[in-house]
Each structure stands twice: as C-alpha cells, then as structure tokens.
Amino acid sequence: MSAALAVAIAGVGGQMGTAVATLAADRPALRPVLGFSTAPAEVDAPVEEVRETAAMSEALSAASVDVLIEFTTGGAVGSIAATAAAAAVPLVSGTTGLTAADRSGLEAAAAAVPVLHATNFSRGIAVLRGLLREAVQQLPTADIELTETHHRHKQDAPSGTAETLLSDIAAAGGPDERVDGRRGAAPRGVGEVGVHARRAGAVAGVHEVLLATSTEELTLRHRARSRSVFAAGALDAAVWLADRPAGSYAFDAVLAGAREDGV
C-alpha cells in the first residue's frame, strides 16, 4: 500500500461521488486516483483520472488502487462488486435500493476481498440506531411511526436508512408489519409500524421515529445537513477496510474497531 491510500470512486459524477472525491482530496492520507462515470466529460471532481464505467475492470487492474468506493444505483452494484473482486480491490459500497443480484454480488465478492456495505455512513445515525433499539425495548407497548425526508431526486423509497431502522425496530422486539402511508379508513392495527417517505427540495436526509403510548411520546430525530457527513464516513470506512482480510464488514465495526458481519 502506498503512503497515501489510493482511492477509486465509482459514480464520481453523482452528488455523493463528488462529495467523496472532494473530501478525499482534502485529506493528506488519501489520494483520489480514479473516478468512474457514464459521462466522464461532464465530471467536475478532484480525481487524477476519470474513466468510463465500462472500462472499470481494465482500469482497476492497470492502476495501483487500494480501495474502491461506490455510490451508484441499484442494479449496478453486483457488477461493480464482481469487478472489484476480480481486480483484488477492497470495496466500500454505499448504494441503497439494492436488487437481489446486487446483494448476491456483494456476498460473492466478500469471498475474495473485504467488502463493507452500509445504507448510511453517518456516525449520528449509528447513535440513533442504538437509541432506537433501547427505546423499543423500554417502551414495548408504544405505537411506532417512521418518517424520512430526502431531496427530490432520490430514487428509492423508503430510504435505505429507513429500511435499516425498520430492521432495528423488529430486531429489538418491536412491530414488523409495515404500513406505508395511510389513506381512507386506516386505524392502527396490532403489530403495525407506520412508514412515511417525503421527497422535497435539496434535503440531504432527515429520519424521525415517533414512539407513543397513551401517556407519553418519544421522538428520535436525525438531520444530515450536508452530504459531506456521509462522504466522511465512507472514507473512514475505506481507510479501515483497506488492509482487512476478505469478508463482509459493517460500518458499526469501523466505529467500534471490531469485525462484524455486514452484507
């Protein structure tokens, strides 16, 4: 590994890819050497070289890359994971809305290289998840409603982070029967968790969970004010992952400094 970690970024032309490249360029310990985009000529990000996404296999094999970070789209991740594995490059994956093929691709790649997939790289969300699990256990009779808000261009709904929070609720013993929005005659049933997705403006991301009993209410809320918080977490994950053995890892392991199963 070089003195500065050589980072490649798939989806460098997108908002998250640009944020990752910009922050990486500001960190002396990192070197954004390669970017991949379907429209390289339109990319305005501080990477040393931008290549067509279709040339990823050739470029990764030819360059000295320590880790690949991808923020692309659901349906593309499985192929990217296979390419990273073939080039023996560790992979940090932040795409949400994964297909079954994407998940299979990540799992297969983890047999050859270290792979870390997360729906959210915010440390604040990691704290929120812990608080939520505790709240669900301490308020076992509470009704639970989850609301997430993102920018108008976000593709998947509910967000990947919302899906993770729903899994946390169920794992902590909370309700697992999802009701996506409500309309008409829709009183709450037993074991339901309400889910609401909003898309507006340029909101980076807001997640709110309401737990309510007949006598009290608790609201847990996280607001991301900038995509840089996710970029910073992804880069922290890349540094942590680069010298790990092959396997699946979780962002919680980066924060805790211990290995966990992640994909």
Protein backbone atom coordinates (compact mmCIF):
# COMPACT_ATOMS: atom_id res chain seq x y z
CA MET A 1 0.00 0.00 0.00
CA SER A 2 1.29 3.47 -0.86
CA ALA A 3 1.93 6.14 1.79
CA ALA A 4 -1.34 7.81 0.79
CA LEU A 5 -4.30 5.48 0.35
CA ALA A 6 -5.12 5.33 -3.37
CA VAL A 7 -8.90 5.61 -3.73
CA ALA A 8 -11.08 4.92 -6.76
CA ILE A 9 -14.67 6.19 -6.85
CA ALA A 10 -17.48 4.64 -8.88
CA GLY A 11 -20.26 7.12 -9.56
CA VAL A 12 -17.88 10.06 -9.25
CA GLY A 13 -20.15 12.25 -11.36
CA GLY A 14 -23.03 11.98 -8.90
CA GLN A 15 -23.59 14.15 -5.86
CA MET A 16 -22.24 11.59 -3.41
CA GLY A 17 -19.32 10.63 -5.63
CA THR A 18 -18.33 14.26 -5.99
CA ALA A 19 -18.57 14.76 -2.23
CA VAL A 20 -16.34 11.73 -1.61
CA ALA A 21 -13.74 12.90 -4.14
CA THR A 22 -13.72 16.45 -2.78
CA LEU A 23 -13.23 15.35 0.81
CA ALA A 24 -10.62 12.76 -0.16
CA ALA A 25 -8.61 15.42 -1.98
CA ASP A 26 -8.53 17.46 1.24
CA ARG A 27 -7.14 14.60 3.33
CA PRO A 28 -3.34 14.21 3.11
CA ALA A 29 -3.59 10.49 3.88
CA LEU A 30 -5.83 9.88 0.85
CA ARG A 31 -5.28 10.16 -2.88
CA PRO A 32 -8.29 10.05 -5.23
CA VAL A 33 -6.60 8.46 -8.23
CA LEU A 34 -9.50 7.18 -10.32
CA GLY A 35 -13.12 8.07 -10.93
CA PHE A 36 -15.68 6.17 -12.96
CA SER A 37 -18.69 7.70 -14.67
CA THR A 38 -21.05 7.01 -17.54
CA ALA A 39 -20.30 10.57 -18.72
CA PRO A 40 -16.61 11.27 -17.92
CA ALA A 41 -16.50 14.55 -19.84
CA GLU A 42 -19.15 16.02 -17.53
CA VAL A 43 -17.40 15.14 -14.26
CA ASP A 44 -16.19 18.06 -12.16
CA ALA A 45 -14.47 16.35 -9.24
CA PRO A 46 -10.85 16.42 -7.97
CA VAL A 47 -9.70 12.99 -9.15
CA GLU A 48 -6.50 12.36 -11.09
CA GLU A 49 -8.23 10.45 -13.88
CA VAL A 50 -11.86 9.82 -14.87
CA ARG A 51 -12.71 6.76 -16.94
CA GLU A 52 -15.85 5.31 -18.45
CA THR A 53 -17.68 2.99 -16.12
CA ALA A 54 -17.44 0.33 -18.82
CA ALA A 55 -13.62 0.48 -18.53
CA MET A 56 -13.60 -0.19 -14.77
CA SER A 57 -12.20 -3.71 -14.99
CA GLU A 58 -9.27 -2.69 -17.18
CA ALA A 59 -8.56 0.50 -15.20
CA LEU A 60 -8.61 -1.18 -11.77
CA SER A 61 -6.32 -3.94 -12.98
CA ALA A 62 -3.85 -1.47 -14.52
CA ALA A 63 -3.77 1.07 -11.69
CA SER A 64 -2.46 0.72 -8.16
CA VAL A 65 -5.71 1.18 -6.23
CA ASP A 66 -6.03 0.39 -2.52
CA VAL A 67 -9.82 0.64 -2.22
CA LEU A 68 -12.89 1.29 -4.39
CA ILE A 69 -15.81 3.35 -3.06
CA GLU A 70 -19.09 3.14 -4.93
CA PHE A 71 -22.18 5.33 -4.76
CA THR A 72 -24.06 4.36 -7.91
CA THR A 73 -27.55 2.93 -8.48
CA GLY A 74 -29.41 -0.21 -7.55
CA GLY A 75 -28.87 -2.83 -10.23
CA ALA A 76 -25.26 -1.79 -10.91
CA VAL A 77 -23.69 -2.84 -7.62
CA GLY A 78 -23.42 -6.57 -8.29
CA SER A 79 -21.32 -5.99 -11.40
CA ILE A 80 -19.12 -3.44 -9.61
CA ALA A 81 -18.55 -5.88 -6.76
CA ALA A 82 -17.54 -8.62 -9.19
CA THR A 83 -15.12 -6.24 -10.92
CA ALA A 84 -13.55 -5.20 -7.60
CA ALA A 85 -13.14 -8.84 -6.59
CA ALA A 86 -11.51 -9.77 -9.91
CA ALA A 87 -9.05 -6.89 -9.51
CA ALA A 88 -8.40 -7.80 -5.84
CA VAL A 89 -9.54 -4.33 -4.68
CA PRO A 90 -11.42 -3.86 -1.38
CA LEU A 91 -14.89 -2.39 -1.82
CA VAL A 92 -16.88 0.16 0.20
CA SER A 93 -20.47 0.23 -1.06
CA GLY A 94 -22.98 2.94 -0.17
CA THR A 95 -25.71 2.43 -2.74
CA THR A 96 -29.24 1.82 -1.45
CA GLY A 97 -32.20 0.21 -3.18
CA LEU A 98 -30.16 -2.92 -3.89
CA THR A 99 -31.55 -5.71 -6.03
CA ALA A 100 -31.23 -9.39 -5.14
CA ALA A 101 -28.47 -9.64 -7.73
CA ASP A 102 -26.64 -6.74 -6.08
CA ARG A 103 -26.74 -8.46 -2.70
CA SER A 104 -25.58 -11.74 -4.21
CA GLY A 105 -22.74 -9.90 -5.95
CA LEU A 106 -21.60 -8.29 -2.70
CA GLU A 107 -21.69 -11.63 -0.89
CA ALA A 108 -19.74 -13.34 -3.67
CA ALA A 109 -17.12 -10.57 -3.75
CA ALA A 110 -16.61 -10.89 0.01
CA ALA A 111 -15.15 -14.35 -0.57
CA ALA A 112 -12.24 -12.72 -2.42
CA VAL A 113 -11.85 -9.19 -0.98
CA PRO A 114 -13.01 -7.21 2.06
CA VAL A 115 -16.44 -5.72 1.38
CA LEU A 116 -18.30 -3.17 3.51
CA HIS A 117 -21.82 -2.16 2.56
CA ALA A 118 -23.82 0.37 4.59
CA THR A 119 -27.08 2.19 3.96
CA ASN A 120 -25.75 5.19 5.90
CA PHE A 121 -22.23 6.32 6.86
CA SER A 122 -23.27 8.93 9.43
CA ARG A 123 -21.98 8.49 12.98
CA GLY A 124 -25.11 10.23 14.19
CA ILE A 125 -27.31 7.60 12.55
CA ALA A 126 -25.23 4.92 14.28
CA VAL A 127 -26.07 6.61 17.60
CA LEU A 128 -29.73 6.90 16.60
CA ARG A 129 -29.88 3.17 15.86
CA GLY A 130 -28.60 2.32 19.32
CA LEU A 131 -31.05 4.68 20.98
CA LEU A 132 -33.91 3.31 18.90
CA ARG A 133 -33.21 -0.29 19.85
CA GLU A 134 -33.13 0.69 23.53
CA ALA A 135 -36.33 2.75 23.21
CA VAL A 136 -38.22 -0.12 21.58
CA GLN A 137 -37.16 -2.47 24.39
CA GLN A 138 -38.04 0.02 27.13
CA LEU A 139 -41.41 1.01 25.58
CA PRO A 140 -42.75 -2.36 24.38
CA THR A 141 -46.37 -1.17 24.06
CA ALA A 142 -45.61 2.02 22.11
CA ASP A 143 -47.04 2.69 18.68
CA ILE A 144 -44.20 3.45 16.25
CA GLU A 145 -44.19 5.67 13.16
CA LEU A 146 -41.13 6.30 10.99
CA THR A 147 -40.84 9.29 8.66
CA GLU A 148 -37.96 10.01 6.30
CA THR A 149 -37.38 13.05 4.09
CA HIS A 150 -34.92 13.35 1.20
CA HIS A 151 -34.22 15.51 -1.83
CA ARG A 152 -36.49 15.39 -4.84
CA HIS A 153 -34.08 13.26 -6.92
CA LYS A 154 -33.70 10.31 -4.54
CA GLN A 155 -34.69 7.12 -6.31
CA ASP A 156 -35.62 4.56 -3.64
CA ALA A 157 -38.42 4.96 -1.12
CA PRO A 158 -38.38 4.35 1.74
CA SER A 159 -34.70 5.19 2.02
CA GLY A 160 -32.08 2.55 2.74
CA THR A 161 -31.55 4.10 6.16
CA ALA A 162 -35.28 3.82 6.88
CA GLU A 163 -35.15 0.15 5.94
CA THR A 164 -32.25 -0.32 8.35
CA LEU A 165 -34.17 1.43 11.14
CA LEU A 166 -37.18 -0.80 10.48
CA SER A 167 -34.94 -3.84 10.81
CA ASP A 168 -33.61 -2.45 14.10
CA ILE A 169 -37.16 -2.00 15.39
CA ALA A 170 -38.10 -5.57 14.56
CA ALA A 171 -34.84 -6.98 15.96
CA ALA A 172 -35.47 -5.18 19.25
CA GLY A 173 -38.87 -6.85 19.59
CA GLY A 174 -40.95 -4.07 18.06
CA PRO A 175 -43.66 -4.29 15.38
CA ASP A 176 -42.73 -5.60 11.96
CA GLU A 177 -45.95 -5.27 9.95
CA ARG A 178 -45.29 -2.24 7.77
CA VAL A 179 -47.97 0.19 6.71
CA ASP A 180 -46.63 2.51 4.02
CA GLY A 181 -48.61 5.72 4.39
CA ARG A 182 -52.25 5.82 5.35
CA ARG A 183 -55.38 6.80 3.46
CA GLY A 184 -59.08 6.36 3.84
CA ALA A 185 -60.26 4.37 6.87
CA ALA A 186 -56.93 3.21 8.28
CA PRO A 187 -56.91 2.92 12.06
CA ARG A 188 -53.79 1.39 13.57
CA GLY A 189 -53.75 -2.37 13.90
CA VAL A 190 -51.79 -4.56 16.28
CA GLY A 191 -48.15 -5.04 15.38
CA GLU A 192 -48.03 -2.23 12.83
CA VAL A 193 -45.23 0.24 12.19
CA GLY A 194 -46.12 3.21 10.02
CA VAL A 195 -43.68 4.28 7.30
CA HIS A 196 -43.78 7.63 5.51
CA ALA A 197 -41.43 8.84 2.75
CA ARG A 198 -41.25 12.51 1.70
CA ARG A 199 -39.32 13.94 -1.26
CA ALA A 200 -38.71 17.67 -1.49
CA GLY A 201 -36.12 20.23 -2.50
CA ALA A 202 -32.49 19.53 -1.65
CA VAL A 203 -32.92 17.85 1.74
CA ALA A 204 -29.82 15.73 2.42
CA GLY A 205 -31.68 13.41 4.77
CA VAL A 206 -33.95 13.51 7.81
CA HIS A 207 -35.08 10.43 9.74
CA GLU A 208 -37.58 10.61 12.58
CA VAL A 209 -39.09 7.84 14.70
CA LEU A 210 -42.10 8.52 16.92
CA LEU A 211 -42.86 6.14 19.79
CA ALA A 212 -46.16 6.91 21.53
CA THR A 213 -48.16 5.30 24.30
CA SER A 214 -51.41 6.53 25.81
CA THR A 215 -49.46 8.57 28.38
CA GLU A 216 -46.22 9.72 26.75
CA GLU A 217 -44.39 10.31 23.47
CA LEU A 218 -40.74 9.97 22.49
CA THR A 219 -39.30 11.31 19.22
CA LEU A 220 -35.85 10.36 17.93
CA ARG A 221 -34.69 12.52 15.04
CA HIS A 222 -31.54 12.85 12.93
CA ARG A 223 -30.91 15.51 10.31
CA ALA A 224 -27.97 15.41 7.91
CA ARG A 225 -27.15 19.00 6.96
CA SER A 226 -24.71 18.04 4.21
CA ARG A 227 -23.71 15.01 2.15
CA SER A 228 -20.19 15.53 3.47
CA VAL A 229 -21.15 13.63 6.63
CA PHE A 230 -21.78 10.52 4.52
CA ALA A 231 -18.63 11.09 2.46
CA ALA A 232 -16.54 11.39 5.63
CA GLY A 233 -17.93 8.12 6.96
CA ALA A 234 -17.32 6.32 3.68
CA LEU A 235 -13.71 7.49 3.64
CA ASP A 236 -13.25 6.43 7.27
CA ALA A 237 -14.60 3.03 6.24
CA ALA A 238 -12.20 2.87 3.28
CA VAL A 239 -9.17 3.56 5.46
CA TRP A 240 -10.32 0.95 7.99
CA LEU A 241 -11.17 -1.67 5.36
CA ALA A 242 -8.15 -1.44 3.08
CA ASP A 243 -5.89 -3.85 4.98
CA ARG A 244 -8.57 -6.26 6.23
CA PRO A 245 -8.82 -9.87 5.08
CA ALA A 246 -11.59 -10.91 2.70
CA GLY A 247 -15.04 -10.94 4.25
CA SER A 248 -18.20 -8.93 4.88
CA TYR A 249 -17.99 -5.99 7.27
CA ALA A 250 -20.38 -3.45 8.78
CA PHE A 251 -19.96 0.27 9.43
CA ASP A 252 -20.56 -0.42 13.12
CA ALA A 253 -17.29 -2.34 13.04
CA VAL A 254 -15.48 0.76 11.78
CA LEU A 255 -16.86 2.77 14.67
CA ALA A 256 -16.18 0.07 17.23
CA GLY A 257 -12.88 -1.14 15.80
CA ALA A 258 -14.12 -4.72 15.74
CA ARG A 259 -15.29 -7.05 13.00
CA GLU A 260 -18.94 -7.77 12.40
CA ASP A 261 -20.88 -9.36 9.55
CA GLY A 262 -22.24 -6.62 7.34
CA VAL A 263 -23.57 -7.54 3.88
